[in-house]
C-alpha cells in the first residue's frame, strides 16, 4: 500500500536485470525508479523477481514487468495529460 501511495502521480522508470545462478537457474528482476517531487531524492524499489525457464525473450520480460506493475497500479498510461 505504501509503495502504491508513493508512486501515485510520479513519473517513473523501470529497469530489469537478468542473471544465471551457480546452479544454472536463470532469474530476472524488475525495479522501479522515481524522484520524490518534494525532496528530489531518487528512490528505487525492486518490484519482484521471477525464475525464467527456457530461452530469454524480451517479450517474456516485458510481460512479467507489466504483470507486476499492475500490483502497484502502474502502466504505460499512468498519466492523463491535461
Protein backbone atom coordinates (compact mmCIF):
# COMPACT_ATOMS: atom_id res chain seq x y z
CA UNK A 1 0.00 0.00 0.00
CA UNK A 2 2.79 2.43 0.88
CA UNK A 3 4.50 1.83 -2.45
CA UNK A 4 1.24 2.43 -4.33
CA UNK A 5 0.87 5.71 -2.43
CA UNK A 6 4.48 6.75 -3.13
CA UNK A 7 4.12 6.04 -6.85
CA UNK A 8 0.83 7.89 -7.26
CA UNK A 9 1.27 10.78 -9.71
CA UNK A 10 5.02 10.47 -10.28
CA UNK A 11 6.97 9.78 -13.41
CA UNK A 12 8.91 6.55 -13.13
CA UNK A 13 11.35 4.41 -14.99
CA UNK A 14 11.68 0.69 -14.87
CA UNK A 15 14.78 -1.44 -15.28
CA UNK A 16 15.30 -5.15 -15.48
CA UNK A 17 18.29 -7.34 -14.82
CA UNK A 18 18.80 -10.99 -15.66
CA UNK A 19 21.37 -13.47 -14.47
CA UNK A 20 22.10 -17.16 -14.19
CA UNK A 21 22.85 -18.55 -10.74
CA UNK A 22 25.60 -21.07 -9.98
CA UNK A 23 23.01 -23.86 -10.11
CA UNK A 24 22.24 -22.85 -13.74
CA UNK A 25 18.80 -21.39 -12.93
CA UNK A 26 18.00 -18.06 -14.61
CA UNK A 27 16.29 -15.12 -12.92
CA UNK A 28 15.04 -11.66 -13.86
CA UNK A 29 14.13 -8.77 -11.60
CA UNK A 30 12.03 -5.66 -12.21
CA UNK A 31 12.94 -2.41 -10.41
CA UNK A 32 11.02 0.88 -10.45
CA UNK A 33 12.83 4.23 -10.00
CA UNK A 34 11.39 7.67 -9.31
CA UNK A 35 12.39 11.04 -7.91
CA UNK A 36 10.41 12.47 -5.00
CA UNK A 37 8.99 15.83 -6.14
CA UNK A 38 9.41 17.44 -2.72
CA UNK A 39 12.90 16.28 -1.75
CA UNK A 40 14.50 15.44 -5.11
CA UNK A 41 15.64 12.13 -3.64
CA UNK A 42 15.92 9.20 -6.02
CA UNK A 43 14.02 6.15 -4.81
CA UNK A 44 14.16 2.64 -6.21
CA UNK A 45 12.21 -0.46 -5.32
CA UNK A 46 12.60 -4.00 -6.58
CA UNK A 47 9.05 -4.92 -7.51
CA UNK A 48 9.76 -8.59 -7.92
CA UNK A 49 11.90 -11.40 -9.19
CA UNK A 50 10.96 -14.36 -11.31
CA UNK A 51 12.65 -17.56 -12.37
CA UNK A 52 12.90 -17.98 -16.11
CA UNK A 53 12.55 -21.22 -17.97
CA UNK A 54 13.81 -21.83 -21.46
CA UNK A 55 15.37 -19.13 -23.58
CA UNK A 56 15.23 -15.48 -22.59
CA UNK A 57 12.93 -13.41 -24.78
CA UNK A 58 12.24 -9.69 -24.49
CA UNK A 59 8.51 -10.37 -24.73
CA UNK A 60 8.67 -12.54 -21.61
CA UNK A 61 10.44 -9.85 -19.59
CA UNK A 62 8.04 -7.14 -20.78
CA UNK A 63 5.04 -9.32 -19.94
CA UNK A 64 6.42 -10.04 -16.47
CA UNK A 65 7.05 -6.35 -15.78
CA UNK A 66 3.60 -5.36 -16.97
CA UNK A 67 2.06 -8.02 -14.71
CA UNK A 68 4.00 -6.85 -11.67
CA UNK A 69 3.27 -3.18 -12.46
CA UNK A 70 -0.42 -3.93 -12.04
CA UNK A 71 0.19 -4.96 -8.42
CA UNK A 72 1.17 -1.34 -7.68
CA UNK A 73 -1.25 0.30 -10.16
CA UNK A 74 1.37 1.28 -12.79
CA UNK A 75 1.02 1.07 -16.54
CA UNK A 76 2.05 2.84 -19.73
CA UNK A 77 -0.97 5.15 -19.49
CA UNK A 78 -0.22 6.20 -15.93
CA UNK A 79 -0.70 9.90 -16.64
CA UNK A 80 -3.55 11.87 -18.08
CA UNK A 81 -2.24 14.96 -19.83
CA UNK A 82 -4.45 17.99 -19.36
